[in-house]
């Protein structure tokens, strides 16, 4: 019934917590947050959830009552690395067969962390091998760095999901300049 009714989650500043992936909660979590008074409902679906003693329209857009600080380091993950590096190889710019490259190879004690990882296509990663970029004569387009959640949110705005619900349009991209 209601399985395809996620709620867009906005921070207390009325901007999505993230754009890529878009910050969505399952309808069950959104209803729990409404009942716990942790969110304000800004838009609803026509669908209604019912229990024997309670009924509620499913939230489509919710606003957190407490601000979530986004100036903290982002969690290291393949997805966040891809967003940080714009879904392209940092050596050649190709977007196919992407892997992550350890700047200092793991065999030499290199960590799996933002500060030591770059997105690379399979061809460049293979060419670099068990060497540093300098040893391989390869120059990355940028040095590895640890982004904040806020930086990833802004970078993620470049990659809108293909299936935006119409009730989210006024909230998901409200700070995007309008076309004239």
N, C-alpha and C. Protein backbone atom coordinates (compact mmCIF):
# COMPACT_ATOMS: atom_id res chain seq x y z
N UNK A 1 0.82 -1.19 0.00
CA UNK A 1 0.00 0.00 0.00
C UNK A 1 0.87 1.25 0.00
N UNK A 2 1.51 1.56 1.12
CA UNK A 2 2.22 2.83 1.26
C UNK A 2 3.72 2.70 1.10
N UNK A 3 4.16 1.62 0.50
CA UNK A 3 5.60 1.38 0.47
C UNK A 3 6.37 2.37 -0.42
N UNK A 4 5.71 3.01 -1.35
CA UNK A 4 6.39 3.91 -2.27
C UNK A 4 6.07 5.38 -1.96
N UNK A 5 6.04 5.71 -0.70
CA UNK A 5 5.71 7.07 -0.29
C UNK A 5 6.78 7.63 0.66
N UNK A 6 8.00 7.83 0.17
CA UNK A 6 9.03 8.38 1.06
C UNK A 6 8.77 9.86 1.34
N UNK A 7 9.31 10.33 2.44
CA UNK A 7 9.19 11.74 2.80
C UNK A 7 10.54 12.42 2.57
N UNK A 8 10.51 13.57 1.92
CA UNK A 8 11.69 14.40 1.76
C UNK A 8 11.98 15.04 3.11
N UNK A 9 13.23 14.89 3.59
CA UNK A 9 13.60 15.41 4.91
C UNK A 9 14.42 16.69 4.74
N UNK A 10 13.90 17.77 5.32
CA UNK A 10 14.58 19.05 5.29
C UNK A 10 15.16 19.35 6.65
N UNK A 11 16.35 19.93 6.65
CA UNK A 11 16.96 20.36 7.90
C UNK A 11 16.14 21.55 8.43
N UNK A 12 16.41 22.00 9.62
CA UNK A 12 15.67 23.11 10.21
C UNK A 12 15.84 24.40 9.41
N UNK A 13 16.85 24.47 8.53
CA UNK A 13 17.03 25.64 7.66
C UNK A 13 16.25 25.50 6.35
N UNK A 14 15.42 24.48 6.26
CA UNK A 14 14.53 24.22 5.12
C UNK A 14 15.25 23.77 3.86
N UNK A 15 16.47 23.25 4.01
CA UNK A 15 17.18 22.67 2.87
C UNK A 15 17.34 21.18 3.12
N UNK A 16 17.33 20.36 2.07
CA UNK A 16 17.52 18.92 2.26
C UNK A 16 18.82 18.62 3.00
N UNK A 17 18.79 17.56 3.80
CA UNK A 17 20.02 17.14 4.48
C UNK A 17 21.08 16.75 3.47
N UNK A 18 20.66 16.14 2.36
CA UNK A 18 21.58 15.81 1.28
C UNK A 18 20.81 15.82 -0.04
N UNK A 19 21.55 16.03 -1.11
CA UNK A 19 20.96 16.02 -2.45
C UNK A 19 21.28 14.74 -3.20
N UNK A 20 22.43 14.17 -2.91
CA UNK A 20 22.84 12.97 -3.62
C UNK A 20 23.48 11.99 -2.63
N UNK A 21 22.74 11.03 -2.16
CA UNK A 21 21.33 10.78 -2.49
C UNK A 21 20.44 11.78 -1.78
N UNK A 22 19.27 12.02 -2.34
CA UNK A 22 18.30 12.93 -1.76
C UNK A 22 17.87 12.38 -0.41
N UNK A 23 17.81 13.26 0.59
CA UNK A 23 17.48 12.83 1.96
C UNK A 23 16.00 12.45 2.04
N UNK A 24 15.77 11.16 2.08
CA UNK A 24 14.41 10.61 2.14
C UNK A 24 14.29 9.65 3.31
N UNK A 25 13.13 9.65 3.94
CA UNK A 25 12.83 8.67 4.98
C UNK A 25 11.65 7.82 4.52
N UNK A 26 11.64 6.55 4.88
CA UNK A 26 10.45 5.73 4.61
C UNK A 26 9.24 6.32 5.34
N UNK A 27 8.07 6.11 4.81
CA UNK A 27 6.87 6.70 5.40
C UNK A 27 6.70 6.32 6.87
N UNK A 28 7.13 5.10 7.24
CA UNK A 28 6.99 4.67 8.64
C UNK A 28 7.83 5.55 9.57
N UNK A 29 9.06 5.85 9.16
CA UNK A 29 9.94 6.69 9.98
C UNK A 29 9.40 8.12 10.04
N UNK A 30 8.85 8.60 8.94
CA UNK A 30 8.29 9.95 8.92
C UNK A 30 7.11 10.06 9.88
N UNK A 31 6.25 9.05 9.89
CA UNK A 31 5.10 9.08 10.81
C UNK A 31 5.57 9.00 12.26
N UNK A 32 6.55 8.17 12.55
CA UNK A 32 7.09 8.10 13.92
C UNK A 32 7.62 9.46 14.35
N UNK A 33 8.31 10.17 13.45
CA UNK A 33 8.85 11.49 13.77
C UNK A 33 7.74 12.51 13.99
N UNK A 34 6.65 12.40 13.22
CA UNK A 34 5.50 13.30 13.41
C UNK A 34 4.88 13.06 14.78
N UNK A 35 4.65 11.80 15.11
CA UNK A 35 4.05 11.46 16.41
C UNK A 35 4.95 11.90 17.56
N UNK A 36 6.27 11.76 17.40
CA UNK A 36 7.22 12.17 18.44
C UNK A 36 7.44 13.68 18.46
N UNK A 37 6.79 14.41 17.55
CA UNK A 37 6.89 15.87 17.47
C UNK A 37 8.32 16.34 17.19
N UNK A 38 9.07 15.55 16.38
CA UNK A 38 10.43 15.93 16.00
C UNK A 38 10.46 16.66 14.67
N UNK A 39 9.33 16.67 13.95
CA UNK A 39 9.27 17.30 12.62
C UNK A 39 7.97 18.06 12.45
N UNK A 40 7.97 18.96 11.47
CA UNK A 40 6.77 19.66 11.04
C UNK A 40 6.45 19.15 9.64
N UNK A 41 5.22 18.81 9.38
CA UNK A 41 4.82 18.33 8.06
C UNK A 41 4.53 19.55 7.18
N UNK A 42 5.21 19.61 6.03
CA UNK A 42 5.03 20.72 5.10
C UNK A 42 4.16 20.33 3.90
N UNK A 43 4.14 19.07 3.56
CA UNK A 43 3.32 18.58 2.44
C UNK A 43 2.96 17.13 2.72
N UNK A 44 1.84 16.71 2.15
CA UNK A 44 1.35 15.35 2.39
C UNK A 44 0.95 14.70 1.07
N UNK A 45 0.97 13.38 1.07
CA UNK A 45 0.41 12.60 -0.03
C UNK A 45 -1.10 12.48 0.21
N UNK A 46 -1.82 12.02 -0.80
CA UNK A 46 -3.25 11.76 -0.63
C UNK A 46 -3.49 10.46 0.13
N UNK A 47 -2.47 9.62 0.21
CA UNK A 47 -2.56 8.30 0.86
C UNK A 47 -2.69 8.47 2.38
N UNK A 48 -3.50 7.61 2.99
CA UNK A 48 -3.73 7.65 4.44
C UNK A 48 -3.28 6.34 5.07
N UNK A 49 -2.57 6.47 6.19
CA UNK A 49 -2.20 5.29 6.99
C UNK A 49 -3.20 5.20 8.13
N UNK A 50 -3.69 3.98 8.37
CA UNK A 50 -4.71 3.78 9.39
C UNK A 50 -4.30 2.70 10.38
N UNK A 51 -4.69 2.92 11.61
CA UNK A 51 -4.61 1.89 12.65
C UNK A 51 -6.01 1.82 13.26
N UNK A 52 -6.26 0.92 14.19
CA UNK A 52 -7.60 0.85 14.77
C UNK A 52 -8.05 2.15 15.45
N UNK A 53 -7.11 2.92 15.96
CA UNK A 53 -7.49 4.13 16.70
C UNK A 53 -6.94 5.42 16.13
N UNK A 54 -6.30 5.35 14.97
CA UNK A 54 -5.55 6.50 14.49
C UNK A 54 -5.49 6.48 12.97
N UNK A 55 -5.55 7.66 12.36
CA UNK A 55 -5.28 7.75 10.93
C UNK A 55 -4.56 9.05 10.65
N UNK A 56 -3.68 8.98 9.65
CA UNK A 56 -2.85 10.13 9.32
C UNK A 56 -2.52 10.09 7.83
N UNK A 57 -2.54 11.26 7.20
CA UNK A 57 -2.09 11.33 5.82
C UNK A 57 -0.58 11.18 5.81
N UNK A 58 -0.07 10.47 4.82
CA UNK A 58 1.37 10.23 4.76
C UNK A 58 2.11 11.51 4.44
N UNK A 59 3.12 11.84 5.26
CA UNK A 59 3.92 13.04 5.00
C UNK A 59 4.73 12.89 3.72
N UNK A 60 4.79 13.95 2.94
CA UNK A 60 5.59 13.97 1.72
C UNK A 60 6.85 14.80 1.92
N UNK A 61 6.73 15.89 2.67
CA UNK A 61 7.87 16.75 2.98
C UNK A 61 7.81 17.07 4.47
N UNK A 62 8.93 16.81 5.16
CA UNK A 62 8.99 17.10 6.60
C UNK A 62 10.20 17.98 6.91
N UNK A 63 10.02 18.84 7.91
CA UNK A 63 11.04 19.78 8.34
C UNK A 63 11.47 19.40 9.75
N UNK A 64 12.76 19.14 9.94
CA UNK A 64 13.26 18.81 11.27
C UNK A 64 13.12 20.02 12.19
N UNK A 65 12.72 19.79 13.42
CA UNK A 65 12.59 20.88 14.39
C UNK A 65 13.95 21.32 14.93
N UNK A 66 14.91 20.39 14.98
CA UNK A 66 16.25 20.72 15.46
C UNK A 66 17.23 20.65 14.29
N UNK A 67 18.09 21.66 14.23
CA UNK A 67 19.06 21.74 13.15
C UNK A 67 20.13 20.66 13.29
N UNK A 68 20.43 19.98 12.20
CA UNK A 68 21.50 18.99 12.16
C UNK A 68 22.73 19.68 11.59
N UNK A 69 23.81 19.74 12.39
CA UNK A 69 25.04 20.40 11.96
C UNK A 69 25.69 19.60 10.85
N UNK A 70 25.88 20.23 9.70
CA UNK A 70 26.47 19.56 8.55
C UNK A 70 27.95 19.89 8.38
N UNK A 71 28.52 20.63 9.30
CA UNK A 71 29.94 20.98 9.21
C UNK A 71 30.81 19.97 9.92
N UNK A 72 30.42 18.73 9.86
CA UNK A 72 31.22 17.65 10.43
C UNK A 72 31.78 16.83 9.26
N UNK A 73 32.86 16.10 9.49
CA UNK A 73 33.41 15.28 8.40
C UNK A 73 32.38 14.25 7.91
N UNK A 74 32.34 14.06 6.62
CA UNK A 74 31.44 13.07 6.03
C UNK A 74 31.96 11.66 6.30
N UNK A 75 31.07 10.71 6.32
CA UNK A 75 31.45 9.31 6.47
C UNK A 75 32.16 8.85 5.20
N UNK A 76 33.23 8.09 5.36
CA UNK A 76 33.95 7.57 4.20
C UNK A 76 33.16 6.42 3.61
N UNK A 77 32.75 6.57 2.36
CA UNK A 77 32.03 5.52 1.64
C UNK A 77 32.31 5.68 0.15
N UNK A 78 32.06 4.62 -0.59
CA UNK A 78 32.26 4.68 -2.05
C UNK A 78 31.39 5.78 -2.66
N UNK A 79 30.13 5.87 -2.20
CA UNK A 79 29.22 6.87 -2.75
C UNK A 79 29.73 8.29 -2.48
N UNK A 80 30.12 8.55 -1.22
CA UNK A 80 30.60 9.89 -0.88
C UNK A 80 31.90 10.22 -1.62
N UNK A 81 32.74 9.24 -1.82
CA UNK A 81 33.97 9.45 -2.59
C UNK A 81 33.61 9.81 -4.04
N UNK A 82 32.64 9.11 -4.61
CA UNK A 82 32.22 9.39 -5.98
C UNK A 82 31.63 10.79 -6.11
N UNK A 83 30.82 11.20 -5.14
CA UNK A 83 30.27 12.56 -5.17
C UNK A 83 31.40 13.57 -5.05
N UNK A 84 32.31 13.36 -4.11
CA UNK A 84 33.43 14.30 -3.92
C UNK A 84 34.23 14.46 -5.21
N UNK A 85 34.48 13.34 -5.92
CA UNK A 85 35.31 13.37 -7.13
C UNK A 85 34.50 13.48 -8.41
N UNK A 86 33.23 13.89 -8.29
CA UNK A 86 32.36 14.17 -9.44
C UNK A 86 32.16 12.98 -10.37
N UNK A 87 32.16 11.78 -9.83
CA UNK A 87 31.89 10.56 -10.60
C UNK A 87 32.80 10.45 -11.82
N UNK A 88 34.05 10.84 -11.65
CA UNK A 88 35.01 10.79 -12.76
C UNK A 88 36.41 10.46 -12.23
N UNK A 89 37.19 9.83 -13.05
CA UNK A 89 38.58 9.51 -12.71
C UNK A 89 39.35 10.81 -12.49
N UNK A 90 40.07 10.89 -11.38
CA UNK A 90 40.83 12.11 -11.08
C UNK A 90 42.08 12.23 -11.94
N UNK A 91 42.44 11.18 -12.64
CA UNK A 91 43.63 11.22 -13.48
C UNK A 91 43.29 11.58 -14.93
N UNK A 92 42.28 10.93 -15.51
CA UNK A 92 41.97 11.17 -16.92
C UNK A 92 40.59 11.77 -17.18
N UNK A 93 39.74 11.79 -16.16
CA UNK A 93 38.40 12.37 -16.33
C UNK A 93 37.35 11.40 -16.83
N UNK A 94 37.73 10.16 -17.13
CA UNK A 94 36.78 9.15 -17.62
C UNK A 94 35.78 8.79 -16.52
N UNK A 95 34.58 8.42 -16.91
CA UNK A 95 33.56 8.06 -15.94
C UNK A 95 33.17 6.60 -15.97
N UNK A 96 33.93 5.77 -16.69
CA UNK A 96 33.60 4.35 -16.81
C UNK A 96 34.48 3.49 -15.92
N UNK A 97 33.93 2.38 -15.45
CA UNK A 97 34.66 1.39 -14.66
C UNK A 97 35.45 2.03 -13.51
N UNK A 98 34.75 2.80 -12.69
CA UNK A 98 35.41 3.52 -11.61
C UNK A 98 35.68 2.64 -10.41
N UNK A 99 36.86 2.85 -9.83
CA UNK A 99 37.28 2.15 -8.62
C UNK A 99 37.84 3.21 -7.69
N UNK A 100 38.23 2.82 -6.49
CA UNK A 100 38.95 3.83 -5.75
C UNK A 100 40.39 3.43 -5.59
N UNK A 101 41.23 4.46 -5.71
CA UNK A 101 42.67 4.30 -5.74
C UNK A 101 43.24 4.80 -4.42
N UNK A 102 44.08 3.99 -3.81
CA UNK A 102 44.80 4.43 -2.61
C UNK A 102 46.04 5.18 -3.06
N UNK A 103 46.14 6.46 -2.73
CA UNK A 103 47.28 7.27 -3.12
C UNK A 103 48.56 6.63 -2.60
N UNK A 104 48.59 6.36 -1.30
CA UNK A 104 49.66 5.53 -0.74
C UNK A 104 49.08 4.12 -0.72
N UNK A 105 49.60 3.19 -1.50
CA UNK A 105 49.00 1.85 -1.60
C UNK A 105 48.82 1.19 -0.23
N UNK A 106 47.76 0.40 -0.14
CA UNK A 106 47.47 -0.31 1.11
C UNK A 106 48.65 -1.19 1.52
N UNK A 107 49.34 -1.77 0.53
CA UNK A 107 50.47 -2.64 0.83
C UNK A 107 51.62 -1.88 1.50
N UNK A 108 51.61 -0.55 1.39
CA UNK A 108 52.62 0.29 2.02
C UNK A 108 52.08 0.99 3.26
N UNK A 109 50.93 0.54 3.74
CA UNK A 109 50.36 1.11 4.95
C UNK A 109 49.36 2.23 4.71
N UNK A 110 48.97 2.44 3.46
CA UNK A 110 47.99 3.48 3.15
C UNK A 110 46.62 3.13 3.69
N UNK A 111 45.95 4.10 4.25
CA UNK A 111 44.64 3.89 4.87
C UNK A 111 43.52 4.00 3.84
N UNK A 112 42.42 3.33 4.15
CA UNK A 112 41.19 3.51 3.37
C UNK A 112 40.43 4.66 4.04
N UNK A 113 40.73 5.88 3.59
CA UNK A 113 40.14 7.08 4.16
C UNK A 113 40.13 8.16 3.08
N UNK A 114 39.28 9.16 3.26
CA UNK A 114 39.23 10.26 2.29
C UNK A 114 40.61 10.86 2.04
N UNK A 115 41.42 10.94 3.09
CA UNK A 115 42.73 11.60 2.96
C UNK A 115 43.73 10.79 2.14
N UNK A 116 43.35 9.54 1.77
CA UNK A 116 44.26 8.71 0.99
C UNK A 116 43.58 8.04 -0.20
N UNK A 117 42.37 8.45 -0.53
CA UNK A 117 41.64 7.79 -1.61
C UNK A 117 41.19 8.78 -2.67
N UNK A 118 41.26 8.34 -3.90
CA UNK A 118 40.78 9.10 -5.05
C UNK A 118 40.00 8.15 -5.95
N UNK A 119 39.05 8.69 -6.70
CA UNK A 119 38.30 7.89 -7.66
C UNK A 119 39.13 7.77 -8.93
N UNK A 120 39.29 6.54 -9.42
CA UNK A 120 40.10 6.31 -10.62
C UNK A 120 39.41 5.28 -11.50
N UNK A 121 39.57 5.43 -12.80
CA UNK A 121 39.05 4.41 -13.71
C UNK A 121 39.97 3.19 -13.60
N UNK A 122 39.47 2.05 -14.02
CA UNK A 122 40.24 0.81 -13.91
C UNK A 122 41.56 0.91 -14.67
N UNK A 123 41.54 1.58 -15.82
CA UNK A 123 42.76 1.70 -16.64
C UNK A 123 43.83 2.50 -15.89
N UNK A 124 43.46 3.65 -15.33
CA UNK A 124 44.45 4.48 -14.61
C UNK A 124 44.88 3.80 -13.32
N UNK A 125 43.96 3.17 -12.63
CA UNK A 125 44.31 2.49 -11.38
C UNK A 125 45.29 1.36 -11.66
N UNK A 126 45.07 0.64 -12.75
CA UNK A 126 45.98 -0.44 -13.12
C UNK A 126 47.35 0.12 -13.52
N UNK A 127 47.33 1.23 -14.25
CA UNK A 127 48.60 1.86 -14.68
C UNK A 127 49.40 2.34 -13.47
N UNK A 128 48.72 2.89 -12.48
CA UNK A 128 49.40 3.38 -11.28
C UNK A 128 49.93 2.21 -10.46
N UNK A 129 49.13 1.14 -10.39
CA UNK A 129 49.58 -0.07 -9.69
C UNK A 129 49.90 0.18 -8.23
N UNK A 130 50.99 -0.42 -7.78
CA UNK A 130 51.40 -0.37 -6.38
C UNK A 130 52.39 0.77 -6.13
N UNK A 131 52.14 1.90 -6.81
CA UNK A 131 53.03 3.05 -6.68
C UNK A 131 52.22 4.27 -6.24
N UNK A 132 52.91 5.30 -5.82
CA UNK A 132 52.24 6.57 -5.56
C UNK A 132 52.03 7.26 -6.90
N UNK A 133 51.15 8.25 -6.98
CA UNK A 133 50.97 8.96 -8.25
C UNK A 133 52.28 9.57 -8.76
N UNK A 134 53.08 10.09 -7.86
CA UNK A 134 54.36 10.69 -8.26
C UNK A 134 55.28 9.63 -8.89
N UNK A 135 55.36 8.46 -8.25
CA UNK A 135 56.21 7.40 -8.78
C UNK A 135 55.72 6.91 -10.15
N UNK A 136 54.41 6.97 -10.36
CA UNK A 136 53.84 6.51 -11.63
C UNK A 136 53.80 7.62 -12.68
N UNK A 137 54.21 8.82 -12.30
CA UNK A 137 54.18 9.94 -13.24
C UNK A 137 52.77 10.40 -13.56
N UNK A 138 51.87 10.25 -12.61
CA UNK A 138 50.47 10.62 -12.81
C UNK A 138 50.12 11.78 -11.87
N UNK A 139 49.39 12.75 -12.40
CA UNK A 139 49.02 13.91 -11.62
C UNK A 139 47.50 13.94 -11.45
N UNK A 140 47.02 13.77 -10.22
CA UNK A 140 45.57 13.85 -10.01
C UNK A 140 45.08 15.29 -10.16
N UNK A 141 43.82 15.44 -10.56
CA UNK A 141 43.23 16.77 -10.74
C UNK A 141 43.08 17.52 -9.42
N UNK A 142 43.02 16.78 -8.32
CA UNK A 142 43.00 17.40 -6.99
C UNK A 142 43.61 16.42 -6.01
N UNK A 143 44.02 16.94 -4.88
CA UNK A 143 44.59 16.11 -3.82
C UNK A 143 43.44 15.53 -3.01
N UNK A 144 43.63 14.38 -2.39
CA UNK A 144 42.56 13.82 -1.56
C UNK A 144 42.30 14.72 -0.34
N UNK A 145 41.05 14.84 0.02
CA UNK A 145 40.68 15.62 1.19
C UNK A 145 39.41 15.03 1.80
N UNK A 146 39.19 15.34 3.06
CA UNK A 146 38.00 14.87 3.75
C UNK A 146 36.93 15.97 3.66
N UNK A 147 35.87 15.72 2.90
CA UNK A 147 34.82 16.74 2.79
C UNK A 147 33.92 16.74 4.02
N UNK A 148 33.25 17.86 4.24
CA UNK A 148 32.23 17.91 5.27
C UNK A 148 30.91 17.42 4.66
N UNK A 149 29.97 17.13 5.49
CA UNK A 149 28.64 16.74 5.01
C UNK A 149 28.06 17.89 4.19
N UNK A 150 28.27 19.13 4.62
CA UNK A 150 27.76 20.29 3.88
C UNK A 150 28.38 20.39 2.49
N UNK A 151 29.69 20.13 2.37
CA UNK A 151 30.33 20.16 1.06
C UNK A 151 29.74 19.10 0.13
N UNK A 152 29.52 17.91 0.66
CA UNK A 152 28.93 16.84 -0.17
C UNK A 152 27.51 17.19 -0.57
N UNK A 153 26.78 17.85 0.34
CA UNK A 153 25.41 18.25 -0.01
C UNK A 153 25.44 19.19 -1.21
N UNK A 154 26.34 20.16 -1.19
CA UNK A 154 26.41 21.11 -2.30
C UNK A 154 26.89 20.44 -3.59
N UNK A 155 27.88 19.57 -3.49
CA UNK A 155 28.33 18.84 -4.67
C UNK A 155 27.22 17.95 -5.23
N UNK A 156 26.45 17.34 -4.34
CA UNK A 156 25.38 16.44 -4.75
C UNK A 156 24.25 17.11 -5.49
N UNK A 157 24.13 18.42 -5.38
CA UNK A 157 23.06 19.14 -6.10
C UNK A 157 23.22 19.00 -7.61
N UNK A 158 24.41 18.64 -8.06
CA UNK A 158 24.65 18.46 -9.50
C UNK A 158 23.99 17.20 -10.05
N UNK A 159 23.59 16.30 -9.18
CA UNK A 159 23.10 14.99 -9.60
C UNK A 159 21.68 14.75 -9.10
N UNK A 160 20.70 15.46 -9.64
CA UNK A 160 19.33 15.27 -9.16
C UNK A 160 18.81 13.87 -9.50
N UNK A 161 18.06 13.28 -8.57
CA UNK A 161 17.50 11.97 -8.86
C UNK A 161 16.46 12.08 -9.97
N UNK A 162 16.26 11.01 -10.74
CA UNK A 162 15.35 11.08 -11.88
C UNK A 162 13.88 11.10 -11.49
N UNK A 163 13.55 10.67 -10.29
CA UNK A 163 12.13 10.52 -9.92
C UNK A 163 11.75 11.43 -8.74
N UNK A 164 11.76 12.73 -9.00
CA UNK A 164 11.40 13.71 -7.98
C UNK A 164 9.86 13.79 -7.92
N UNK A 165 9.31 13.60 -6.74
CA UNK A 165 7.86 13.74 -6.59
C UNK A 165 7.49 15.21 -6.70
N UNK A 166 6.37 15.50 -7.33
CA UNK A 166 5.99 16.89 -7.57
C UNK A 166 5.87 17.70 -6.28
N UNK A 167 5.51 17.06 -5.17
CA UNK A 167 5.37 17.79 -3.90
C UNK A 167 6.72 18.21 -3.33
N UNK A 168 7.81 17.67 -3.86
CA UNK A 168 9.14 18.01 -3.36
C UNK A 168 9.77 19.18 -4.10
N UNK A 169 9.28 19.51 -5.28
CA UNK A 169 9.94 20.49 -6.14
C UNK A 169 10.15 21.84 -5.48
N UNK A 170 9.19 22.31 -4.71
CA UNK A 170 9.32 23.61 -4.07
C UNK A 170 10.30 23.59 -2.91
N UNK A 171 10.71 22.41 -2.47
CA UNK A 171 11.57 22.29 -1.29
C UNK A 171 12.97 21.78 -1.61
N UNK A 172 13.07 20.88 -2.56
CA UNK A 172 14.36 20.24 -2.82
C UNK A 172 15.36 21.18 -3.48
N UNK A 173 14.90 22.10 -4.29
CA UNK A 173 15.82 22.95 -5.03
C UNK A 173 15.44 24.42 -4.89
N UNK A 174 14.94 24.81 -3.73
CA UNK A 174 14.45 26.18 -3.55
C UNK A 174 15.53 27.23 -3.70
N UNK A 175 16.77 26.88 -3.49
CA UNK A 175 17.84 27.87 -3.57
C UNK A 175 18.55 27.87 -4.91
N UNK A 176 17.98 27.17 -5.90
CA UNK A 176 18.55 27.12 -7.24
C UNK A 176 18.02 28.32 -8.03
N UNK A 177 18.88 29.08 -8.72
CA UNK A 177 18.40 30.22 -9.50
C UNK A 177 17.40 29.77 -10.56
N UNK A 178 16.35 30.54 -10.72
CA UNK A 178 15.33 30.22 -11.71
C UNK A 178 15.80 30.65 -13.10
N UNK A 179 15.37 29.89 -14.10
CA UNK A 179 15.71 30.24 -15.47
C UNK A 179 14.80 31.38 -15.91
N UNK A 180 15.32 32.30 -16.72
CA UNK A 180 14.49 33.44 -17.17
C UNK A 180 13.90 33.16 -18.52
